[in-house]
Amino acid sequence: MGWVSMMARFGAMVAPMVLLLGEDFPWLPGFIYGGAPILSGIFAFFLPETLAQPLPDTIQDVDDRGFAWKKAKRLPEKEDLAKKDPSCVLLKESV
């Protein structure tokens, strides 16, 4: 969280300077403000915690995922549970 806060402050300080550079290089602000989000989006695809992983559907899926080095056994998938027990309800019941 601290890193995000620091980068937000850094971006707020640099933004006016980028606009000033636009006076000499008119294409530069568009390149920076358009290229940085696209580049960061591409890099986000290669993060190790999301690489080739489906998005979690429930909070329980997030809790079960954890870190790969923490859990040694593979947990059964929701589809496997539903195939074995048709009366299995995958949603939590409200009290």
PDB file of N, CA and C in Angstrom:
ATOM      1  N   MET A   1       0.818  -1.181   0.000  1.00  0.00           N
ATOM      2  CA  MET A   1       0.000   0.000   0.000  1.00  0.00           C
ATOM      3  C   MET A   1       0.871   1.259   0.000  1.00  0.00           C
ATOM      4  N   GLY A   2       1.967   1.196   0.714  1.00  0.00           N
ATOM      5  CA  GLY A   2       2.875   2.333   0.747  1.00  0.00           C
ATOM      6  C   GLY A   2       3.478   2.627  -0.612  1.00  0.00           C
ATOM      7  N   TRP A   3       3.792   1.563  -1.364  1.00  0.00           N
ATOM      8  CA  TRP A   3       4.365   1.742  -2.695  1.00  0.00           C
ATOM      9  C   TRP A   3       3.369   2.432  -3.615  1.00  0.00           C
ATOM     10  N   VAL A   4       2.117   2.032  -3.546  1.00  0.00           N
ATOM     11  CA  VAL A   4       1.089   2.627  -4.386  1.00  0.00           C
ATOM     12  C   VAL A   4       0.913   4.105  -4.044  1.00  0.00           C
ATOM     13  N   SER A   5       0.921   4.424  -2.754  1.00  0.00           N
ATOM     14  CA  SER A   5       0.785   5.813  -2.327  1.00  0.00           C
ATOM     15  C   SER A   5       1.969   6.658  -2.813  1.00  0.00           C
ATOM     16  N   MET A   6       3.161   6.094  -2.712  1.00  0.00           N
ATOM     17  CA  MET A   6       4.343   6.820  -3.155  1.00  0.00           C
ATOM     18  C   MET A   6       4.320   7.051  -4.670  1.00  0.00           C
ATOM     19  N   MET A   7       3.912   6.053  -5.426  1.00  0.00           N
ATOM     20  CA  MET A   7       3.849   6.204  -6.878  1.00  0.00           C
ATOM     21  C   MET A   7       2.759   7.189  -7.292  1.00  0.00           C
ATOM     22  N   ALA A   8       1.661   7.245  -6.544  1.00  0.00           N
ATOM     23  CA  ALA A   8       0.610   8.220  -6.849  1.00  0.00           C
ATOM     24  C   ALA A   8       1.122   9.634  -6.635  1.00  0.00           C
ATOM     25  N   ARG A   9       1.861   9.841  -5.565  1.00  0.00           N
ATOM     26  CA  ARG A   9       2.435  11.172  -5.323  1.00  0.00           C
ATOM     27  C   ARG A   9       3.484  11.521  -6.373  1.00  0.00           C
ATOM     28  N   PHE A  10       4.290  10.542  -6.759  1.00  0.00           N
ATOM     29  CA  PHE A  10       5.291  10.755  -7.793  1.00  0.00           C
ATOM     30  C   PHE A  10       4.622  11.121  -9.122  1.00  0.00           C
ATOM     31  N   GLY A  11       3.546  10.414  -9.452  1.00  0.00           N
ATOM     32  CA  GLY A  11       2.820  10.720 -10.682  1.00  0.00           C
ATOM     33  C   GLY A  11       2.218  12.114 -10.670  1.00  0.00           C
ATOM     34  N   ALA A  12       1.732  12.525  -9.493  1.00  0.00           N
ATOM     35  CA  ALA A  12       1.173  13.878  -9.387  1.00  0.00           C
ATOM     36  C   ALA A  12       2.251  14.943  -9.549  1.00  0.00           C
ATOM     37  N   MET A  13       3.472  14.636  -9.158  1.00  0.00           N
ATOM     38  CA  MET A  13       4.560  15.598  -9.322  1.00  0.00           C
ATOM     39  C   MET A  13       5.065  15.640 -10.761  1.00  0.00           C
ATOM     40  N   VAL A  14       5.082  14.515 -11.428  1.00  0.00           N
ATOM     41  CA  VAL A  14       5.659  14.424 -12.772  1.00  0.00           C
ATOM     42  C   VAL A  14       4.660  14.864 -13.849  1.00  0.00           C
ATOM     43  N   ALA A  15       3.365  14.744 -13.595  1.00  0.00           N
ATOM     44  CA  ALA A  15       2.357  15.045 -14.616  1.00  0.00           C
ATOM     45  C   ALA A  15       2.494  16.456 -15.192  1.00  0.00           C
ATOM     46  N   PRO A  16       2.674  17.496 -14.389  1.00  0.00           N
ATOM     47  CA  PRO A  16       2.842  18.821 -14.999  1.00  0.00           C
ATOM     48  C   PRO A  16       4.103  18.931 -15.849  1.00  0.00           C
ATOM     49  N   MET A  17       5.162  18.238 -15.465  1.00  0.00           N
ATOM     50  CA  MET A  17       6.394  18.285 -16.252  1.00  0.00           C
ATOM     51  C   MET A  17       6.208  17.625 -17.617  1.00  0.00           C
ATOM     52  N   VAL A  18       5.410  16.543 -17.640  1.00  0.00           N
ATOM     53  CA  VAL A  18       5.140  15.878 -18.918  1.00  0.00           C
ATOM     54  C   VAL A  18       4.348  16.808 -19.823  1.00  0.00           C
ATOM     55  N   LEU A  19       3.399  17.529 -19.253  1.00  0.00           N
ATOM     56  CA  LEU A  19       2.631  18.479 -20.063  1.00  0.00           C
ATOM     57  C   LEU A  19       3.511  19.622 -20.567  1.00  0.00           C
ATOM     58  N   LEU A  20       4.472  20.053 -19.776  1.00  0.00           N
ATOM     59  CA  LEU A  20       5.405  21.092 -20.238  1.00  0.00           C
ATOM     60  C   LEU A  20       6.282  20.583 -21.376  1.00  0.00           C
ATOM     61  N   LEU A  21       6.654  19.305 -21.322  1.00  0.00           N
ATOM     62  CA  LEU A  21       7.428  18.737 -22.430  1.00  0.00           C
ATOM     63  C   LEU A  21       6.605  18.688 -23.712  1.00  0.00           C
ATOM     64  N   GLY A  22       5.271  18.695 -23.545  1.00  0.00           N
ATOM     65  CA  GLY A  22       4.402  18.679 -24.720  1.00  0.00           C
ATOM     66  C   GLY A  22       4.511  19.918 -25.570  1.00  0.00           C
ATOM     67  N   GLU A  23       5.040  20.998 -25.018  1.00  0.00           N
ATOM     68  CA  GLU A  23       5.240  22.207 -25.815  1.00  0.00           C
ATOM     69  C   GLU A  23       6.340  22.009 -26.857  1.00  0.00           C
ATOM     70  N   ASP A  24       7.383  21.263 -26.490  1.00  0.00           N
ATOM     71  CA  ASP A  24       8.479  20.993 -27.424  1.00  0.00           C
ATOM     72  C   ASP A  24       8.220  19.757 -28.277  1.00  0.00           C
ATOM     73  N   PHE A  25       7.639  18.752 -27.674  1.00  0.00           N
ATOM     74  CA  PHE A  25       7.343  17.491 -28.365  1.00  0.00           C
ATOM     75  C   PHE A  25       5.849  17.213 -28.211  1.00  0.00           C
ATOM     76  N   PRO A  26       5.029  17.599 -29.159  1.00  0.00           N
ATOM     77  CA  PRO A  26       3.578  17.470 -29.004  1.00  0.00           C
ATOM     78  C   PRO A  26       3.089  16.027 -28.863  1.00  0.00           C
ATOM     79  N   TRP A  27       3.834  15.083 -29.359  1.00  0.00           N
ATOM     80  CA  TRP A  27       3.416  13.688 -29.292  1.00  0.00           C
ATOM     81  C   TRP A  27       3.769  13.036 -27.962  1.00  0.00           C
ATOM     82  N   LEU A  28       4.652  13.640 -27.164  1.00  0.00           N
ATOM     83  CA  LEU A  28       5.164  13.005 -25.949  1.00  0.00           C
ATOM     84  C   LEU A  28       4.112  12.785 -24.858  1.00  0.00           C
ATOM     85  N   PRO A  29       3.266  13.741 -24.506  1.00  0.00           N
ATOM     86  CA  PRO A  29       2.270  13.468 -23.459  1.00  0.00           C
ATOM     87  C   PRO A  29       1.310  12.328 -23.820  1.00  0.00           C
ATOM     88  N   GLY A  30       0.868  12.299 -25.058  1.00  0.00           N
ATOM     89  CA  GLY A  30      -0.009  11.198 -25.488  1.00  0.00           C
ATOM     90  C   GLY A  30       0.690   9.856 -25.454  1.00  0.00           C
ATOM     91  N   PHE A  31       1.960   9.873 -25.817  1.00  0.00           N
ATOM     92  CA  PHE A  31       2.738   8.639 -25.794  1.00  0.00           C
ATOM     93  C   PHE A  31       2.916   8.135 -24.365  1.00  0.00           C
ATOM     94  N   ILE A  32       3.227   9.023 -23.434  1.00  0.00           N
ATOM     95  CA  ILE A  32       3.450   8.620 -22.042  1.00  0.00           C
ATOM     96  C   ILE A  32       2.137   8.226 -21.377  1.00  0.00           C
ATOM     97  N   TYR A  33       1.108   9.087 -21.506  1.00  0.00           N
ATOM     98  CA  TYR A  33      -0.165   8.810 -20.835  1.00  0.00           C
ATOM     99  C   TYR A  33      -0.932   7.661 -21.490  1.00  0.00           C
ATOM    100  N   GLY A  34      -0.668   7.366 -22.724  1.00  0.00           N
ATOM    101  CA  GLY A  34      -1.311   6.240 -23.386  1.00  0.00           C
ATOM    102  C   GLY A  34      -0.483   4.980 -23.355  1.00  0.00           C
ATOM    103  N   GLY A  35       0.835   5.141 -23.416  1.00  0.00           N
ATOM    104  CA  GLY A  35       1.712   3.975 -23.460  1.00  0.00           C
ATOM    105  C   GLY A  35       1.924   3.317 -22.107  1.00  0.00           C
ATOM    106  N   ALA A  36       1.966   4.118 -21.055  1.00  0.00           N
ATOM    107  CA  ALA A  36       2.211   3.556 -19.721  1.00  0.00           C
ATOM    108  C   ALA A  36       1.101   2.597 -19.283  1.00  0.00           C
ATOM    109  N   PRO A  37      -0.191   2.930 -19.451  1.00  0.00           N
ATOM    110  CA  PRO A  37      -1.221   1.966 -19.054  1.00  0.00           C
ATOM    111  C   PRO A  37      -1.228   0.703 -19.912  1.00  0.00           C
ATOM    112  N   ILE A  38      -0.972   0.865 -21.187  1.00  0.00           N
ATOM    113  CA  ILE A  38      -0.939  -0.308 -22.064  1.00  0.00           C
ATOM    114  C   ILE A  38       0.224  -1.217 -21.690  1.00  0.00           C
ATOM    115  N   LEU A  39       1.372  -0.626 -21.446  1.00  0.00           N
ATOM    116  CA  LEU A  39       2.549  -1.410 -21.064  1.00  0.00           C
ATOM    117  C   LEU A  39       2.345  -2.101 -19.717  1.00  0.00           C
ATOM    118  N   SER A  40       1.771  -1.409 -18.749  1.00  0.00           N
ATOM    119  CA  SER A  40       1.546  -2.032 -17.446  1.00  0.00           C
ATOM    120  C   SER A  40       0.492  -3.128 -17.541  1.00  0.00           C
ATOM    121  N   GLY A  41      -0.499  -2.962 -18.405  1.00  0.00           N
ATOM    122  CA  GLY A  41      -1.492  -4.018 -18.606  1.00  0.00           C
ATOM    123  C   GLY A  41      -0.880  -5.275 -19.205  1.00  0.00           C
ATOM    124  N   ILE A  42       0.050  -5.085 -20.126  1.00  0.00           N
ATOM    125  CA  ILE A  42       0.739  -6.245 -20.718  1.00  0.00           C
ATOM    126  C   ILE A  42       1.579  -6.948 -19.667  1.00  0.00           C
ATOM    127  N   PHE A  43       2.290  -6.181 -18.831  1.00  0.00           N
ATOM    128  CA  PHE A  43       3.096  -6.797 -17.783  1.00  0.00           C
ATOM    129  C   PHE A  43       2.239  -7.513 -16.747  1.00  0.00           C
ATOM    130  N   ALA A  44       1.025  -7.049 -16.525  1.00  0.00           N
ATOM    131  CA  ALA A  44       0.145  -7.684 -15.540  1.00  0.00           C
ATOM    132  C   ALA A  44      -0.225  -9.110 -15.946  1.00  0.00           C
ATOM    133  N   PHE A  45      -0.220  -9.401 -17.240  1.00  0.00           N
ATOM    134  CA  PHE A  45      -0.515 -10.757 -17.685  1.00  0.00           C
ATOM    135  C   PHE A  45       0.554 -11.756 -17.244  1.00  0.00           C
ATOM    136  N   PHE A  46       1.749 -11.294 -16.952  1.00  0.00           N
ATOM    137  CA  PHE A  46       2.855 -12.183 -16.637  1.00  0.00           C
ATOM    138  C   PHE A  46       3.181 -12.249 -15.150  1.00  0.00           C
ATOM    139  N   LEU A  47       2.322 -11.714 -14.310  1.00  0.00           N
ATOM    140  CA  LEU A  47       2.539 -11.829 -12.869  1.00  0.00           C
ATOM    141  C   LEU A  47       2.432 -13.290 -12.454  1.00  0.00           C
ATOM    142  N   PRO A  48       3.314 -13.767 -11.595  1.00  0.00           N
ATOM    143  CA  PRO A  48       3.312 -15.191 -11.269  1.00  0.00           C
ATOM    144  C   PRO A  48       2.046 -15.650 -10.552  1.00  0.00           C
ATOM    145  N   GLU A  49       1.394 -14.781  -9.779  1.00  0.00           N
ATOM    146  CA  GLU A  49       0.214 -15.229  -9.048  1.00  0.00           C
ATOM    147  C   GLU A  49      -1.028 -15.312  -9.929  1.00  0.00           C
ATOM    148  N   THR A  50      -1.002 -14.749 -11.126  1.00  0.00           N
ATOM    149  CA  THR A  50      -2.157 -14.814 -12.010  1.00  0.00           C
ATOM    150  C   THR A  50      -1.864 -15.514 -13.329  1.00  0.00           C
ATOM    151  N   LEU A  51      -0.666 -15.965 -13.553  1.00  0.00           N
ATOM    152  CA  LEU A  51      -0.284 -16.570 -14.826  1.00  0.00           C
ATOM    153  C   LEU A  51      -1.010 -17.896 -15.016  1.00  0.00           C
ATOM    154  N   ALA A  52      -1.814 -17.989 -16.055  1.00  0.00           N
ATOM    155  CA  ALA A  52      -2.552 -19.199 -16.434  1.00  0.00           C
ATOM    156  C   ALA A  52      -3.467 -19.695 -15.319  1.00  0.00           C
ATOM    157  N   GLN A  53      -4.029 -18.811 -14.535  1.00  0.00           N
ATOM    158  CA  GLN A  53      -4.946 -19.168 -13.459  1.00  0.00           C
ATOM    159  C   GLN A  53      -6.324 -18.609 -13.777  1.00  0.00           C
ATOM    160  N   PRO A  54      -7.380 -19.402 -13.555  1.00  0.00           N
ATOM    161  CA  PRO A  54      -8.719 -18.845 -13.739  1.00  0.00           C
ATOM    162  C   PRO A  54      -9.054 -17.885 -12.603  1.00  0.00           C
ATOM    163  N   LEU A  55      -9.933 -16.947 -12.874  1.00  0.00           N
ATOM    164  CA  LEU A  55     -10.335 -16.013 -11.837  1.00  0.00           C
ATOM    165  C   LEU A  55     -11.180 -16.726 -10.784  1.00  0.00           C
ATOM    166  N   PRO A  56     -10.982 -16.409  -9.515  1.00  0.00           N
ATOM    167  CA  PRO A  56     -11.787 -17.046  -8.470  1.00  0.00           C
ATOM    168  C   PRO A  56     -13.233 -16.557  -8.526  1.00  0.00           C
ATOM    169  N   ASP A  57     -14.175 -17.466  -8.211  1.00  0.00           N
ATOM    170  CA  ASP A  57     -15.593 -17.124  -8.247  1.00  0.00           C
ATOM    171  C   ASP A  57     -16.121 -16.688  -6.886  1.00  0.00           C
ATOM    172  N   THR A  58     -15.594 -17.275  -5.826  1.00  0.00           N
ATOM    173  CA  THR A  58     -16.093 -16.988  -4.476  1.00  0.00           C
ATOM    174  C   THR A  58     -14.934 -16.643  -3.554  1.00  0.00           C
ATOM    175  N   ILE A  59     -15.262 -16.179  -2.377  1.00  0.00           N
ATOM    176  CA  ILE A  59     -14.237 -15.895  -1.370  1.00  0.00           C
ATOM    177  C   ILE A  59     -13.545 -17.186  -0.956  1.00  0.00           C
ATOM    178  N   GLN A  60     -14.294 -18.275  -0.910  1.00  0.00           N
ATOM    179  CA  GLN A  60     -13.709 -19.575  -0.563  1.00  0.00           C
ATOM    180  C   GLN A  60     -12.656 -19.984  -1.592  1.00  0.00           C
ATOM    181  N   ASP A  61     -12.902 -19.691  -2.865  1.00  0.00           N
ATOM    182  CA  ASP A  61     -11.906 -19.991  -3.903  1.00  0.00           C
ATOM    183  C   ASP A  61     -10.621 -19.215  -3.655  1.00  0.00           C
ATOM    184  N   VAL A  62     -10.750 -17.970  -3.240  1.00  0.00           N
ATOM    185  CA  VAL A  62      -9.572 -17.146  -2.948  1.00  0.00           C
ATOM    186  C   VAL A  62      -8.826 -17.704  -1.748  1.00  0.00           C
ATOM    187  N   ASP A  63      -9.554 -18.098  -0.706  1.00  0.00           N
ATOM    188  CA  ASP A  63      -8.914 -18.676   0.474  1.00  0.00           C
ATOM    189  C   ASP A  63      -8.245 -20.003   0.156  1.00  0.00           C
ATOM    190  N   ASP A  64      -8.872 -20.805  -0.693  1.00  0.00           N
ATOM    191  CA  ASP A  64      -8.299 -22.110  -1.046  1.00  0.00           C
ATOM    192  C   ASP A  64      -7.072 -21.987  -1.930  1.00  0.00           C
ATOM    193  N   ARG A  65      -7.014 -20.921  -2.729  1.00  0.00           N
ATOM    194  CA  ARG A  65      -5.895 -20.771  -3.661  1.00  0.00           C
ATOM    195  C   ARG A  65      -4.588 -20.594  -2.905  1.00  0.00           C
ATOM    196  N   GLY A  66      -4.485 -19.601  -2.060  1.00  0.00           N
ATOM    197  CA  GLY A  66      -3.282 -19.380  -1.252  1.00  0.00           C
ATOM    198  C   GLY A  66      -2.026 -19.356  -2.101  1.00  0.00           C
ATOM    199  N   PHE A  67      -0.914 -19.646  -1.472  1.00  0.00           N
ATOM    200  CA  PHE A  67       0.355 -19.741  -2.174  1.00  0.00           C
ATOM    201  C   PHE A  67       0.647 -21.193  -2.503  1.00  0.00           C
ATOM    202  N   ALA A  68       1.299 -21.429  -3.617  1.00  0.00           N
ATOM    203  CA  ALA A  68       1.585 -22.795  -4.055  1.00  0.00           C
ATOM    204  C   ALA A  68       2.513 -23.513  -3.083  1.00  0.00           C
ATOM    205  N   TRP A  69       3.407 -22.795  -2.438  1.00  0.00           N
ATOM    206  CA  TRP A  69       4.356 -23.451  -1.544  1.00  0.00           C
ATOM    207  C   TRP A  69       3.741 -23.743  -0.189  1.00  0.00           C
ATOM    208  N   LYS A  70       2.598 -23.175   0.124  1.00  0.00           N
ATOM    209  CA  LYS A  70       1.964 -23.428   1.413  1.00  0.00           C
ATOM    210  C   LYS A  70       1.180 -24.727   1.416  1.00  0.00           C
ATOM    211  N   LYS A  71       0.530 -25.038   0.310  1.00  0.00           N
ATOM    212  CA  LYS A  71      -0.295 -26.237   0.285  1.00  0.00           C
ATOM    213  C   LYS A  71       0.377 -27.302  -0.573  1.00  0.00           C
ATOM    214  N   ALA A  72       0.406 -28.483  -0.050  1.00  0.00           N
ATOM    215  CA  ALA A  72       1.079 -29.567  -0.754  1.00  0.00           C
ATOM    216  C   ALA A  72       0.106 -30.390  -1.584  1.00  0.00           C
ATOM    217  N   LYS A  73      -1.144 -30.503  -1.146  1.00  0.00           N
ATOM    218  CA  LYS A  73      -2.090 -31.339  -1.876  1.00  0.00           C
ATOM    219  C   LYS A  73      -3.006 -30.481  -2.739  1.00  0.00           C
ATOM    220  N   ARG A  74      -3.537 -31.104  -3.755  1.00  0.00           N
ATOM    221  CA  ARG A  74      -4.446 -30.413  -4.664  1.00  0.00           C
ATOM    222  C   ARG A  74      -5.857 -30.520  -4.114  1.00  0.00           C
ATOM    223  N   LEU A  75      -6.533 -29.389  -4.027  1.00  0.00           N
ATOM    224  CA  LEU A  75      -7.907 -29.380  -3.565  1.00  0.00           C
ATOM    225  C   LEU A  75      -8.834 -29.748  -4.719  1.00  0.00           C
ATOM    226  N   PRO A  76      -9.933 -30.452  -4.440  1.00  0.00           N
ATOM    227  CA  PRO A  76     -10.835 -30.817  -5.534  1.00  0.00           C
ATOM    228  C   PRO A  76     -11.515 -29.578  -6.122  1.00  0.00           C
ATOM    229  N   GLU A  77     -11.717 -29.623  -7.396  1.00  0.00           N
ATOM    230  CA  GLU A  77     -12.374 -28.524  -8.090  1.00  0.00           C
ATOM    231  C   GLU A  77     -13.869 -28.556  -7.801  1.00  0.00           C
ATOM    232  N   LYS A  78     -14.525 -27.403  -7.975  1.00  0.00           N
ATOM    233  CA  LYS A  78     -15.966 -27.325  -7.737  1.00  0.00           C
ATOM    234  C   LYS A  78     -16.731 -28.255  -8.674  1.00  0.00           C
ATOM    235  N   GLU A  79     -16.272 -28.353  -9.920  1.00  0.00           N
ATOM    236  CA  GLU A  79     -16.960 -29.191 -10.876  1.00  0.00           C
ATOM    237  C   GLU A  79     -16.848 -30.663 -10.480  1.00  0.00           C
ATOM    238  N   ASP A  80     -15.695 -31.065  -9.919  1.00  0.00           N
ATOM    239  CA  ASP A  80     -15.510 -32.445  -9.487  1.00  0.00           C
ATOM    240  C   ASP A  80     -16.456 -32.774  -8.336  1.00  0.00           C
ATOM    241  N   LEU A  81     -16.624 -31.844  -7.409  1.00  0.00           N
ATOM    242  CA  LEU A  81     -17.526 -32.061  -6.288  1.00  0.00           C
ATOM    243  C   LEU A  81     -18.967 -32.197  -6.763  1.00  0.00           C
ATOM    244  N   ALA A  82     -19.358 -31.384  -7.718  1.00  0.00           N
ATOM    245  CA  ALA A  82     -20.725 -31.433  -8.223  1.00  0.00           C
ATOM    246  C   ALA A  82     -20.989 -32.732  -8.973  1.00  0.00           C
ATOM    247  N   LYS A  83     -19.983 -33.259  -9.658  1.00  0.00           N
ATOM    248  CA  LYS A  83     -20.162 -34.523 -10.378  1.00  0.00           C
ATOM    249  C   LYS A  83     -20.307 -35.689  -9.422  1.00  0.00           C
ATOM    250  N   LYS A  84     -19.579 -35.666  -8.312  1.00  0.00           N
ATOM    251  CA  LYS A  84     -19.636 -36.764  -7.350  1.00  0.00           C
ATOM    252  C   LYS A  84     -20.919 -36.752  -6.537  1.00  0.00           C
ATOM    253  N   ASP A  85     -21.371 -35.582  -6.128  1.00  0.00           N
ATOM    254  CA  ASP A  85     -22.539 -35.463  -5.266  1.00  0.00           C
ATOM    255  C   ASP A  85     -23.510 -34.456  -5.876  1.00  0.00           C
ATOM    256  N   PRO A  86     -24.578 -34.949  -6.546  1.00  0.00           N
ATOM    257  CA  PRO A  86     -25.506 -34.008  -7.188  1.00  0.00           C
ATOM    258  C   PRO A  86     -26.285 -33.156  -6.193  1.00  0.00           C
ATOM    259  N   SER A  87     -26.363 -33.575  -4.940  1.00  0.00           N
ATOM    260  CA  SER A  87     -27.092 -32.768  -3.956  1.00  0.00           C
ATOM    261  C   SER A  87     -26.207 -31.684  -3.357  1.00  0.00           C
ATOM    262  N   CYS A  88     -24.960 -31.624  -3.786  1.00  0.00           N
ATOM    263  CA  CYS A  88     -24.025 -30.637  -3.263  1.00  0.00           C
ATOM    264  C   CYS A  88     -24.413 -29.245  -3.779  1.00  0.00           C
ATOM    265  N   VAL A  89     -24.592 -28.332  -2.848  1.00  0.00           N
ATOM    266  CA  VAL A  89     -24.902 -26.945  -3.173  1.00  0.00           C
ATOM    267  C   VAL A  89     -23.636 -26.148  -3.005  1.00  0.00           C
ATOM    268  N   LEU A  90     -23.202 -25.469  -4.076  1.00  0.00           N
ATOM    269  CA  LEU A  90     -21.930 -24.758  -4.038  1.00  0.00           C
ATOM    270  C   LEU A  90     -22.048 -23.364  -3.408  1.00  0.00           C
ATOM    271  N   LEU A  91     -23.266 -22.888  -3.241  1.00  0.00           N
ATOM    272  CA  LEU A  91     -23.455 -21.579  -2.639  1.00  0.00           C
ATOM    273  C   LEU A  91     -23.673 -21.730  -1.149  1.00  0.00           C
ATOM    274  N   LYS A  92     -23.217 -20.767  -0.390  1.00  0.00           N
ATOM    275  CA  LYS A  92     -23.416 -20.808   1.051  1.00  0.00           C
ATOM    276  C   LYS A  92     -24.862 -20.453   1.373  1.00  0.00           C
ATOM    277  N   GLU A  93     -25.411 -21.156   2.351  1.00  0.00           N
ATOM    278  CA  GLU A  93     -26.776 -20.886   2.760  1.00  0.00           C
ATOM    279  C   GLU A  93     -26.798 -19.762   3.773  1.00  0.00           C
ATOM    280  N   SER A  94     -27.789 -18.872   3.657  1.00  0.00           N
ATOM    281  CA  SER A  94     -27.902 -17.793   4.627  1.00  0.00           C
ATOM    282  C   SER A  94     -28.725 -18.268   5.818  1.00  0.00           C
ATOM    283  N   VAL A  95     -28.371 -17.780   6.973  1.00  0.00           N
ATOM    284  CA  VAL A  95     -29.052 -18.211   8.192  1.00  0.00           C
ATOM    285  C   VAL A  95     -30.189 -17.285   8.507  1.00  0.00           C
TER     286      VAL A  95
END
